[in-house]
C-alpha cells in the first residue's frame, strides 16, 4: 500500500462562464450560490476531506471574488461579533482555515490542459488532485479520496468515470480499457468527445483526476488539439504509453452545475435534501402545479 498522495489539489477557474451571461459578466460562475454557499466551496471541501492541505486556483480576469471568499474579512467578522452573531462569524473564519490557498493566473483561455500547465510550479514533482468545480458530487467518501484509494493500491494516475448513455458520449472524454478490479479499469486509450457510433465504451471521464507530475512534460509539448486548445486528454493519451492510468467508476451522485438547467436541478435537489427547506420547496411545487 502506498501513502496517501493527496496533499495538493488544482482548481481551474479561469473560464468565462458564458452559459450564465449576463450574470457572469460580474460574478464568476464558480461563485454562483448552491443553497447557502458558492459552487466552488463544495469542490474545495471535497479536496480537504480527501487529505489536501494546499489548494491552487488557476484564475483569470474577473475572478477576484474567489480569492476574497477564501480570505479573512476582519471588518465583517468584527461586525458579526458586535451583533452577537458569533456562530456565523466562526463559520466564516473556518472557510479561510480550510487549507492553504494559492492563486496562479491563466493569461489566455487556451484550454483545460493549458490551465493545468499554469499550475505546474506549485506541485514540486508530486501527485496531485484536479477538480473541475462545475461537478458537485454527493458521496459518503469524497470522490477524490476514492481515487486516492485506487492509487494507494495500484499506483499511477486515476480518473473518475461515469457510465453515460451512448447518445451522450460526444459530450465527454471516453475511455477504452480492461476491468482489473471492482469498478477499476486499466485504461488503454482515450477518445475526446466521440460520436456515439465511434465511442469505444460508455465510460466517460468526469471532473475528478489524480495525476502524476509526469503529465506536465506532455502538456509542455504545446500540442494543440480539438478547438485549437491544449487538451488534457491528449496529454493523458501520451502518458498512457509511459505509466499506468486507471479509471474508477466512482460511488456518488453528480450534480452538473455547468449549465442553467443543471444548476437549477442541483439547487432543487439540494433543497429537497435539506430538512429546513424540503417542505418549503414542496409547497411551492404544489402551488405552482395547481395554479399552472
C-alpha atoms as a PDB file:
ATOM      1  CA  UNK A   1       0.000   0.000   0.000  1.00  0.00           C
ATOM      2  CA  UNK A   2       1.256   3.469  -0.907  1.00  0.00           C
ATOM      3  CA  UNK A   3       0.912   6.539   1.262  1.00  0.00           C
ATOM      4  CA  UNK A   4      -1.890   8.977   0.514  1.00  0.00           C
ATOM      5  CA  UNK A   5      -0.508  11.275  -2.233  1.00  0.00           C
ATOM      6  CA  UNK A   6      -3.293  13.821  -1.952  1.00  0.00           C
ATOM      7  CA  UNK A   7      -1.581  16.771  -0.363  1.00  0.00           C
ATOM      8  CA  UNK A   8      -2.383  19.272  -3.128  1.00  0.00           C
ATOM      9  CA  UNK A   9      -5.291  19.942  -5.482  1.00  0.00           C
ATOM     10  CA  UNK A  10      -5.652  22.201  -8.511  1.00  0.00           C
ATOM     11  CA  UNK A  11      -8.855  24.021  -9.490  1.00  0.00           C
ATOM     12  CA  UNK A  12      -9.056  25.569 -12.984  1.00  0.00           C
ATOM     13  CA  UNK A  13     -11.448  28.505 -12.562  1.00  0.00           C
ATOM     14  CA  UNK A  14     -10.393  30.910 -15.316  1.00  0.00           C
ATOM     15  CA  UNK A  15     -13.353  30.167 -17.628  1.00  0.00           C
ATOM     16  CA  UNK A  16     -15.693  32.972 -18.687  1.00  0.00           C
ATOM     17  CA  UNK A  17     -18.940  31.204 -17.757  1.00  0.00           C
ATOM     18  CA  UNK A  18     -20.663  32.305 -20.957  1.00  0.00           C
ATOM     19  CA  UNK A  19     -23.602  29.931 -20.431  1.00  0.00           C
ATOM     20  CA  UNK A  20     -24.672  32.055 -17.454  1.00  0.00           C
ATOM     21  CA  UNK A  21     -24.363  35.504 -19.023  1.00  0.00           C
ATOM     22  CA  UNK A  22     -25.265  38.200 -18.187  1.00  0.00           C
ATOM     23  CA  UNK A  23     -24.962  37.112 -14.518  1.00  0.00           C
ATOM     24  CA  UNK A  24     -21.351  36.010 -15.002  1.00  0.00           C
ATOM     25  CA  UNK A  25     -20.300  39.330 -16.531  1.00  0.00           C
ATOM     26  CA  UNK A  26     -19.520  40.371 -12.966  1.00  0.00           C
ATOM     27  CA  UNK A  27     -19.866  37.190 -10.856  1.00  0.00           C
ATOM     28  CA  UNK A  28     -17.604  34.185 -11.503  1.00  0.00           C
ATOM     29  CA  UNK A  29     -19.618  31.096 -12.413  1.00  0.00           C
ATOM     30  CA  UNK A  30     -17.881  29.267  -9.566  1.00  0.00           C
ATOM     31  CA  UNK A  31     -19.323  31.799  -7.111  1.00  0.00           C
ATOM     32  CA  UNK A  32     -22.952  31.230  -8.088  1.00  0.00           C
ATOM     33  CA  UNK A  33     -24.803  30.036  -4.972  1.00  0.00           C
ATOM     34  CA  UNK A  34     -25.870  26.456  -4.410  1.00  0.00           C
ATOM     35  CA  UNK A  35     -28.197  26.956  -1.438  1.00  0.00           C
ATOM     36  CA  UNK A  36     -26.039  28.755   1.161  1.00  0.00           C
ATOM     37  CA  UNK A  37     -22.535  28.533  -0.294  1.00  0.00           C
ATOM     38  CA  UNK A  38     -20.932  29.048  -3.706  1.00  0.00           C
ATOM     39  CA  UNK A  39     -20.379  26.133  -6.081  1.00  0.00           C
ATOM     40  CA  UNK A  40     -16.590  26.298  -5.622  1.00  0.00           C
ATOM     41  CA  UNK A  41     -16.924  25.676  -1.872  1.00  0.00           C
ATOM     42  CA  UNK A  42     -18.177  22.133  -2.433  1.00  0.00           C
ATOM     43  CA  UNK A  43     -15.155  21.158  -4.522  1.00  0.00           C
ATOM     44  CA  UNK A  44     -12.688  22.646  -2.048  1.00  0.00           C
ATOM     45  CA  UNK A  45     -14.424  20.859   0.802  1.00  0.00           C
ATOM     46  CA  UNK A  46     -14.130  17.572  -1.119  1.00  0.00           C
ATOM     47  CA  UNK A  47     -10.400  18.124  -1.657  1.00  0.00           C
ATOM     48  CA  UNK A  48      -9.827  18.920   2.011  1.00  0.00           C
ATOM     49  CA  UNK A  49     -11.800  15.869   3.166  1.00  0.00           C
ATOM     50  CA  UNK A  50      -9.623  13.806   0.787  1.00  0.00           C
ATOM     51  CA  UNK A  51      -6.469  14.933   2.585  1.00  0.00           C
ATOM     52  CA  UNK A  52      -5.408  18.026   0.625  1.00  0.00           C
ATOM     53  CA  UNK A  53      -3.960  20.921   2.573  1.00  0.00           C
ATOM     54  CA  UNK A  54      -2.769  23.015  -0.376  1.00  0.00           C
ATOM     55  CA  UNK A  55      -5.334  24.354  -2.853  1.00  0.00           C
ATOM     56  CA  UNK A  56      -4.174  26.036  -6.067  1.00  0.00           C
ATOM     57  CA  UNK A  57      -6.634  28.069  -8.140  1.00  0.00           C
ATOM     58  CA  UNK A  58      -5.806  28.841 -11.774  1.00  0.00           C
ATOM     59  CA  UNK A  59      -7.709  32.087 -12.261  1.00  0.00           C
ATOM     60  CA  UNK A  60      -8.290  34.760 -14.856  1.00  0.00           C
ATOM     61  CA  UNK A  61      -9.691  38.269 -15.095  1.00  0.00           C
ATOM     62  CA  UNK A  62     -12.792  38.934 -13.009  1.00  0.00           C
ATOM     63  CA  UNK A  63     -12.162  36.132 -10.525  1.00  0.00           C
ATOM     64  CA  UNK A  64     -11.108  38.252  -7.533  1.00  0.00           C
ATOM     65  CA  UNK A  65     -14.211  37.304  -5.534  1.00  0.00           C
ATOM     66  CA  UNK A  66     -12.979  33.683  -5.332  1.00  0.00           C
ATOM     67  CA  UNK A  67      -9.817  34.892  -3.613  1.00  0.00           C
ATOM     68  CA  UNK A  68     -11.856  37.148  -1.316  1.00  0.00           C
ATOM     69  CA  UNK A  69     -14.202  34.302  -0.376  1.00  0.00           C
ATOM     70  CA  UNK A  70     -11.379  32.105   0.929  1.00  0.00           C
ATOM     71  CA  UNK A  71      -9.681  35.022   2.705  1.00  0.00           C
ATOM     72  CA  UNK A  72     -10.465  36.567   6.086  1.00  0.00           C
ATOM     73  CA  UNK A  73     -12.797  39.566   6.246  1.00  0.00           C
ATOM     74  CA  UNK A  74     -11.932  41.209   9.539  1.00  0.00           C
ATOM     75  CA  UNK A  75     -14.475  44.004   9.134  1.00  0.00           C
ATOM     76  CA  UNK A  76     -17.340  41.565   8.617  1.00  0.00           C
ATOM     77  CA  UNK A  77     -16.134  39.284  11.405  1.00  0.00           C
ATOM     78  CA  UNK A  78     -15.938  42.219  13.834  1.00  0.00           C
ATOM     79  CA  UNK A  79     -19.409  43.383  12.830  1.00  0.00           C
ATOM     80  CA  UNK A  80     -20.881  39.931  13.443  1.00  0.00           C
ATOM     81  CA  UNK A  81     -19.075  39.822  16.790  1.00  0.00           C
ATOM     82  CA  UNK A  82     -20.587  43.149  17.805  1.00  0.00           C
ATOM     83  CA  UNK A  83     -24.053  41.935  16.816  1.00  0.00           C
ATOM     84  CA  UNK A  84     -23.728  38.780  18.888  1.00  0.00           C
ATOM     85  CA  UNK A  85     -23.661  36.523  15.821  1.00  0.00           C
ATOM     86  CA  UNK A  86     -20.613  34.514  16.880  1.00  0.00           C
ATOM     87  CA  UNK A  87     -21.832  31.293  15.257  1.00  0.00           C
ATOM     88  CA  UNK A  88     -21.938  32.893  11.809  1.00  0.00           C
ATOM     89  CA  UNK A  89     -18.597  34.610  12.407  1.00  0.00           C
ATOM     90  CA  UNK A  90     -16.968  31.307  13.341  1.00  0.00           C
ATOM     91  CA  UNK A  91     -18.353  29.670  10.199  1.00  0.00           C
ATOM     92  CA  UNK A  92     -16.718  32.389   8.081  1.00  0.00           C
ATOM     93  CA  UNK A  93     -13.406  32.005   9.892  1.00  0.00           C
ATOM     94  CA  UNK A  94     -13.450  28.261   9.210  1.00  0.00           C
ATOM     95  CA  UNK A  95     -13.661  28.896   5.449  1.00  0.00           C
ATOM     96  CA  UNK A  96     -10.306  30.680   5.378  1.00  0.00           C
ATOM     97  CA  UNK A  97      -8.797  27.963   7.576  1.00  0.00           C
ATOM     98  CA  UNK A  98      -9.863  25.042   5.383  1.00  0.00           C
ATOM     99  CA  UNK A  99      -6.489  24.893   3.590  1.00  0.00           C
ATOM    100  CA  UNK A 100      -3.549  26.900   2.316  1.00  0.00           C
ATOM    101  CA  UNK A 101      -4.700  28.792  -0.773  1.00  0.00           C
ATOM    102  CA  UNK A 102      -2.569  29.918  -3.711  1.00  0.00           C
ATOM    103  CA  UNK A 103      -3.529  31.635  -6.967  1.00  0.00           C
ATOM    104  CA  UNK A 104      -1.968  31.403 -10.436  1.00  0.00           C
ATOM    105  CA  UNK A 105      -3.102  33.479 -13.407  1.00  0.00           C
ATOM    106  CA  UNK A 106      -4.000  31.964 -16.799  1.00  0.00           C
ATOM    107  CA  UNK A 107      -3.482  34.883 -19.141  1.00  0.00           C
ATOM    108  CA  UNK A 108      -5.164  33.287 -22.178  1.00  0.00           C
ATOM    109  CA  UNK A 109      -8.077  30.803 -22.475  1.00  0.00           C
ATOM    110  CA  UNK A 110      -6.063  28.049 -24.153  1.00  0.00           C
ATOM    111  CA  UNK A 111      -7.903  25.024 -22.790  1.00  0.00           C
ATOM    112  CA  UNK A 112      -8.005  22.782 -19.733  1.00  0.00           C
ATOM    113  CA  UNK A 113      -4.584  21.336 -20.473  1.00  0.00           C
ATOM    114  CA  UNK A 114      -3.073  24.818 -20.534  1.00  0.00           C
ATOM    115  CA  UNK A 115      -4.803  25.700 -17.250  1.00  0.00           C
ATOM    116  CA  UNK A 116      -3.287  22.616 -15.609  1.00  0.00           C
ATOM    117  CA  UNK A 117       0.127  23.527 -17.016  1.00  0.00           C
ATOM    118  CA  UNK A 118      -0.145  27.006 -15.475  1.00  0.00           C
ATOM    119  CA  UNK A 119      -0.235  25.368 -12.055  1.00  0.00           C
ATOM    120  CA  UNK A 120       2.945  23.318 -12.553  1.00  0.00           C
ATOM    121  CA  UNK A 121       5.249  25.471 -10.365  1.00  0.00           C
ATOM    122  CA  UNK A 122       3.070  24.717  -7.334  1.00  0.00           C
ATOM    123  CA  UNK A 123       3.364  20.934  -7.383  1.00  0.00           C
ATOM    124  CA  UNK A 124       7.033  20.041  -6.842  1.00  0.00           C
ATOM    125  CA  UNK A 125       7.046  16.755  -8.770  1.00  0.00           C
ATOM    126  CA  UNK A 126       4.271  15.245  -6.628  1.00  0.00           C
ATOM    127  CA  UNK A 127       0.997  13.557  -7.481  1.00  0.00           C
ATOM    128  CA  UNK A 128      -1.887  15.988  -7.235  1.00  0.00           C
ATOM    129  CA  UNK A 129      -5.648  16.184  -7.434  1.00  0.00           C
ATOM    130  CA  UNK A 130      -7.551  18.052 -10.134  1.00  0.00           C
ATOM    131  CA  UNK A 131     -11.166  19.057  -9.562  1.00  0.00           C
ATOM    132  CA  UNK A 132     -13.441  20.700 -12.126  1.00  0.00           C
ATOM    133  CA  UNK A 133     -15.843  22.579  -9.843  1.00  0.00           C
ATOM    134  CA  UNK A 134     -18.826  22.521 -12.227  1.00  0.00           C
ATOM    135  CA  UNK A 135     -19.411  18.972 -10.977  1.00  0.00           C
ATOM    136  CA  UNK A 136     -20.673  18.874  -7.388  1.00  0.00           C
ATOM    137  CA  UNK A 137     -20.697  15.250  -6.258  1.00  0.00           C
ATOM    138  CA  UNK A 138     -22.652  13.938  -3.278  1.00  0.00           C
ATOM    139  CA  UNK A 139     -20.991  10.867  -1.785  1.00  0.00           C
ATOM    140  CA  UNK A 140     -20.214   9.208   1.528  1.00  0.00           C
ATOM    141  CA  UNK A 141     -16.498   9.038   0.685  1.00  0.00           C
ATOM    142  CA  UNK A 142     -15.225  12.074  -1.266  1.00  0.00           C
ATOM    143  CA  UNK A 143     -14.641  11.090  -4.883  1.00  0.00           C
ATOM    144  CA  UNK A 144     -11.097  12.446  -4.879  1.00  0.00           C
ATOM    145  CA  UNK A 145     -10.500  10.271  -1.819  1.00  0.00           C
ATOM    146  CA  UNK A 146     -11.877   7.265  -3.716  1.00  0.00           C
ATOM    147  CA  UNK A 147      -9.292   7.908  -6.438  1.00  0.00           C
ATOM    148  CA  UNK A 148      -6.641   8.104  -3.734  1.00  0.00           C
ATOM    149  CA  UNK A 149      -7.599   4.638  -2.509  1.00  0.00           C
ATOM    150  CA  UNK A 150      -7.078   3.212  -6.010  1.00  0.00           C
ATOM    151  CA  UNK A 151      -3.692   4.910  -6.270  1.00  0.00           C
ATOM    152  CA  UNK A 152      -2.698   3.583  -2.843  1.00  0.00           C
ATOM    153  CA  UNK A 153      -3.403   0.052  -4.068  1.00  0.00           C
ATOM    154  CA  UNK A 154      -2.162   0.218  -7.683  1.00  0.00           C
ATOM    155  CA  UNK A 155      -0.149   3.411  -8.164  1.00  0.00           C
ATOM    156  CA  UNK A 156      -0.394   5.505 -11.317  1.00  0.00           C
ATOM    157  CA  UNK A 157      -2.821   8.240 -12.262  1.00  0.00           C
ATOM    158  CA  UNK A 158      -6.527   7.665 -11.614  1.00  0.00           C
ATOM    159  CA  UNK A 159      -9.533   9.229 -13.382  1.00  0.00           C
ATOM    160  CA  UNK A 160     -13.131   9.276 -12.174  1.00  0.00           C
ATOM    161  CA  UNK A 161     -15.539   7.520 -14.535  1.00  0.00           C
ATOM    162  CA  UNK A 162     -19.285   7.510 -15.028  1.00  0.00           C
ATOM    163  CA  UNK A 163     -21.331   5.339 -17.360  1.00  0.00           C
ATOM    164  CA  UNK A 164     -23.302   7.574 -19.728  1.00  0.00           C
ATOM    165  CA  UNK A 165     -25.879   6.808 -22.442  1.00  0.00           C
ATOM    166  CA  UNK A 166     -24.458   6.189 -25.913  1.00  0.00           C
ATOM    167  CA  UNK A 167     -26.138   9.338 -27.240  1.00  0.00           C
ATOM    168  CA  UNK A 168     -24.166  11.457 -24.741  1.00  0.00           C
ATOM    169  CA  UNK A 169     -20.655  10.177 -25.497  1.00  0.00           C
ATOM    170  CA  UNK A 170     -19.968  13.219 -27.685  1.00  0.00           C
ATOM    171  CA  UNK A 171     -20.041  15.400 -24.549  1.00  0.00           C
ATOM    172  CA  UNK A 172     -17.166  13.619 -22.770  1.00  0.00           C
ATOM    173  CA  UNK A 173     -13.761  12.064 -22.989  1.00  0.00           C
ATOM    174  CA  UNK A 174     -14.427   8.314 -23.292  1.00  0.00           C
ATOM    175  CA  UNK A 175     -12.052   5.556 -22.198  1.00  0.00           C
ATOM    176  CA  UNK A 176     -11.174   2.174 -23.599  1.00  0.00           C
ATOM    177  CA  UNK A 177      -9.819  -0.275 -21.056  1.00  0.00           C
ATOM    178  CA  UNK A 178      -9.955  -3.577 -19.218  1.00  0.00           C
ATOM    179  CA  UNK A 179     -11.558  -4.041 -15.827  1.00  0.00           C
ATOM    180  CA  UNK A 180      -8.963  -5.093 -13.249  1.00  0.00           C
ATOM    181  CA  UNK A 181     -10.991  -4.828 -10.059  1.00  0.00           C
ATOM    182  CA  UNK A 182     -14.364  -3.786  -8.697  1.00  0.00           C
ATOM    183  CA  UNK A 183     -15.179  -0.788 -10.884  1.00  0.00           C
ATOM    184  CA  UNK A 184     -11.477  -0.197 -11.641  1.00  0.00           C
ATOM    185  CA  UNK A 185     -10.205  -0.156 -15.244  1.00  0.00           C
ATOM    186  CA  UNK A 186      -6.677  -0.138 -16.645  1.00  0.00           C
ATOM    187  CA  UNK A 187      -7.059   2.439 -19.401  1.00  0.00           C
ATOM    188  CA  UNK A 188      -5.576   1.661 -22.819  1.00  0.00           C
ATOM    189  CA  UNK A 189      -6.981   4.549 -24.862  1.00  0.00           C
ATOM    190  CA  UNK A 190      -8.861   7.829 -24.559  1.00  0.00           C
ATOM    191  CA  UNK A 191     -11.098   9.458 -27.159  1.00  0.00           C
ATOM    192  CA  UNK A 192     -12.185  13.083 -26.817  1.00  0.00           C
ATOM    193  CA  UNK A 193     -15.933  13.577 -27.416  1.00  0.00           C
ATOM    194  CA  UNK A 194     -16.539  10.721 -29.887  1.00  0.00           C
ATOM    195  CA  UNK A 195     -19.759  10.356 -31.826  1.00  0.00           C
ATOM    196  CA  UNK A 196     -21.963   7.565 -30.422  1.00  0.00           C
ATOM    197  CA  UNK A 197     -21.046   5.193 -33.241  1.00  0.00           C
ATOM    198  CA  UNK A 198     -17.334   5.794 -32.711  1.00  0.00           C
ATOM    199  CA  UNK A 199     -17.133   5.629 -28.916  1.00  0.00           C
ATOM    200  CA  UNK A 200     -15.124   2.658 -27.582  1.00  0.00           C
ATOM    201  CA  UNK A 201     -17.346   2.440 -24.465  1.00  0.00           C
ATOM    202  CA  UNK A 202     -19.880   4.352 -22.403  1.00  0.00           C
ATOM    203  CA  UNK A 203     -17.311   5.076 -19.670  1.00  0.00           C
ATOM    204  CA  UNK A 204     -16.928   8.847 -19.520  1.00  0.00           C
ATOM    205  CA  UNK A 205     -14.284  10.846 -17.686  1.00  0.00           C
ATOM    206  CA  UNK A 206     -15.838  13.344 -15.287  1.00  0.00           C
ATOM    207  CA  UNK A 207     -14.248  16.210 -13.395  1.00  0.00           C
ATOM    208  CA  UNK A 208     -12.050  14.387 -10.860  1.00  0.00           C
ATOM    209  CA  UNK A 209      -8.442  13.348 -11.519  1.00  0.00           C
ATOM    210  CA  UNK A 210      -5.453  12.165  -9.519  1.00  0.00           C
ATOM    211  CA  UNK A 211      -2.497  12.916 -11.769  1.00  0.00           C
ATOM    212  CA  UNK A 212       1.153  12.017 -11.989  1.00  0.00           C
ATOM    213  CA  UNK A 213       3.517  15.011 -12.211  1.00  0.00           C
ATOM    214  CA  UNK A 214       4.706  13.479 -15.496  1.00  0.00           C
ATOM    215  CA  UNK A 215       1.583  14.964 -17.074  1.00  0.00           C
ATOM    216  CA  UNK A 216       3.310  18.342 -17.180  1.00  0.00           C
ATOM    217  CA  UNK A 217       6.026  17.279 -19.618  1.00  0.00           C
ATOM    218  CA  UNK A 218       3.340  16.178 -22.077  1.00  0.00           C
ATOM    219  CA  UNK A 219       1.404  19.405 -21.631  1.00  0.00           C
ATOM    220  CA  UNK A 220       4.579  21.413 -22.182  1.00  0.00           C
ATOM    221  CA  UNK A 221       4.948  19.955 -25.664  1.00  0.00           C
ATOM    222  CA  UNK A 222       2.458  22.613 -26.733  1.00  0.00           C
ATOM    223  CA  UNK A 223       0.468  20.178 -28.877  1.00  0.00           C
ATOM    224  CA  UNK A 224      -2.762  21.840 -29.959  1.00  0.00           C
ATOM    225  CA  UNK A 225      -5.864  19.656 -30.040  1.00  0.00           C
ATOM    226  CA  UNK A 226      -9.626  19.990 -30.510  1.00  0.00           C
ATOM    227  CA  UNK A 227     -10.805  23.601 -30.685  1.00  0.00           C
ATOM    228  CA  UNK A 228      -7.275  24.954 -31.103  1.00  0.00           C
ATOM    229  CA  UNK A 229      -6.626  24.384 -27.396  1.00  0.00           C
ATOM    230  CA  UNK A 230      -4.174  22.344 -25.336  1.00  0.00           C
ATOM    231  CA  UNK A 231      -6.252  19.328 -24.326  1.00  0.00           C
ATOM    232  CA  UNK A 232      -5.644  17.389 -21.124  1.00  0.00           C
ATOM    233  CA  UNK A 233      -6.985  14.264 -22.848  1.00  0.00           C
ATOM    234  CA  UNK A 234      -4.188  14.414 -25.447  1.00  0.00           C
ATOM    235  CA  UNK A 235      -1.544  14.599 -22.705  1.00  0.00           C
ATOM    236  CA  UNK A 236      -3.162  11.690 -20.883  1.00  0.00           C
ATOM    237  CA  UNK A 237      -3.008   9.586 -24.061  1.00  0.00           C
ATOM    238  CA  UNK A 238       0.728  10.212 -24.245  1.00  0.00           C
ATOM    239  CA  UNK A 239       1.106   9.422 -20.544  1.00  0.00           C
ATOM    240  CA  UNK A 240      -0.549   6.024 -21.131  1.00  0.00           C
ATOM    241  CA  UNK A 241       2.479   4.898 -23.104  1.00  0.00           C
ATOM    242  CA  UNK A 242       4.783   5.505 -20.148  1.00  0.00           C
ATOM    243  CA  UNK A 243       2.834   4.962 -16.937  1.00  0.00           C
ATOM    244  CA  UNK A 244      -0.309   3.143 -15.825  1.00  0.00           C
ATOM    245  CA  UNK A 245      -3.501   5.166 -15.863  1.00  0.00           C
ATOM    246  CA  UNK A 246      -6.597   3.771 -14.171  1.00  0.00           C
ATOM    247  CA  UNK A 247     -10.248   4.709 -14.187  1.00  0.00           C
ATOM    248  CA  UNK A 248     -12.701   4.273 -11.312  1.00  0.00           C
ATOM    249  CA  UNK A 249     -16.468   4.106 -11.529  1.00  0.00           C
ATOM    250  CA  UNK A 250     -16.927   6.361  -8.521  1.00  0.00           C
ATOM    251  CA  UNK A 251     -19.668   5.947  -5.935  1.00  0.00           C
ATOM    252  CA  UNK A 252     -21.798   9.050  -5.621  1.00  0.00           C
ATOM    253  CA  UNK A 253     -24.316  11.325  -7.318  1.00  0.00           C
ATOM    254  CA  UNK A 254     -23.068  14.028  -9.675  1.00  0.00           C
ATOM    255  CA  UNK A 255     -24.831  17.370  -9.934  1.00  0.00           C
ATOM    256  CA  UNK A 256     -23.727  19.172 -13.113  1.00  0.00           C
ATOM    257  CA  UNK A 257     -23.741  22.896 -12.329  1.00  0.00           C
ATOM    258  CA  UNK A 258     -22.177  23.887 -15.640  1.00  0.00           C
ATOM    259  CA  UNK A 259     -25.465  24.754 -17.361  1.00  0.00           C
ATOM    260  CA  UNK A 260     -28.528  26.718 -16.261  1.00  0.00           C
ATOM    261  CA  UNK A 261     -30.719  23.616 -16.254  1.00  0.00           C
ATOM    262  CA  UNK A 262     -28.090  21.613 -14.394  1.00  0.00           C
ATOM    263  CA  UNK A 263     -27.559  24.348 -11.822  1.00  0.00           C
ATOM    264  CA  UNK A 264     -31.308  24.681 -11.261  1.00  0.00           C
ATOM    265  CA  UNK A 265     -31.677  20.900 -10.867  1.00  0.00           C
ATOM    266  CA  UNK A 266     -28.771  20.871  -8.403  1.00  0.00           C
ATOM    267  CA  UNK A 267     -30.354  23.677  -6.383  1.00  0.00           C
ATOM    268  CA  UNK A 268     -33.704  21.877  -6.170  1.00  0.00           C
ATOM    269  CA  UNK A 269     -32.010  18.562  -5.338  1.00  0.00           C
ATOM    270  CA  UNK A 270     -30.000  20.105  -2.505  1.00  0.00           C
ATOM    271  CA  UNK A 271     -33.048  21.977  -1.197  1.00  0.00           C
ATOM    272  CA  UNK A 272     -35.171  18.826  -1.124  1.00  0.00           C
ATOM    273  CA  UNK A 273     -32.468  17.105   0.953  1.00  0.00           C
ATOM    274  CA  UNK A 274     -32.363  19.941   3.463  1.00  0.00           C
ATOM    275  CA  UNK A 275     -34.858  19.297   6.309  1.00  0.00           C
ATOM    276  CA  UNK A 276     -35.426  23.045   6.715  1.00  0.00           C
ATOM    277  CA  UNK A 277     -36.139  23.645   3.024  1.00  0.00           C
ATOM    278  CA  UNK A 278     -37.828  20.449   1.861  1.00  0.00           C
ATOM    279  CA  UNK A 279     -41.354  21.389   2.934  1.00  0.00           C
ATOM    280  CA  UNK A 280     -40.972  24.928   1.624  1.00  0.00           C
ATOM    281  CA  UNK A 281     -39.916  23.712  -1.831  1.00  0.00           C
ATOM    282  CA  UNK A 282     -42.689  21.130  -1.988  1.00  0.00           C
ATOM    283  CA  UNK A 283     -45.277  23.793  -1.071  1.00  0.00           C
ATOM    284  CA  UNK A 284     -44.062  25.936  -3.974  1.00  0.00           C
ATOM    285  CA  UNK A 285     -44.216  22.994  -6.390  1.00  0.00           C
ATOM    286  CA  UNK A 286     -47.754  22.096  -5.291  1.00  0.00           C
ATOM    287  CA  UNK A 287     -48.927  25.697  -5.518  1.00  0.00           C
ATOM    288  CA  UNK A 288     -47.389  26.307  -8.921  1.00  0.00           C
ATOM    289  CA  UNK A 289     -48.753  22.982 -10.137  1.00  0.00           C
ATOM    290  CA  UNK A 290     -52.274  23.852  -9.064  1.00  0.00           C
ATOM    291  CA  UNK A 291     -52.188  27.393 -10.390  1.00  0.00           C
ATOM    292  CA  UNK A 292     -50.461  26.326 -13.621  1.00  0.00           C
END
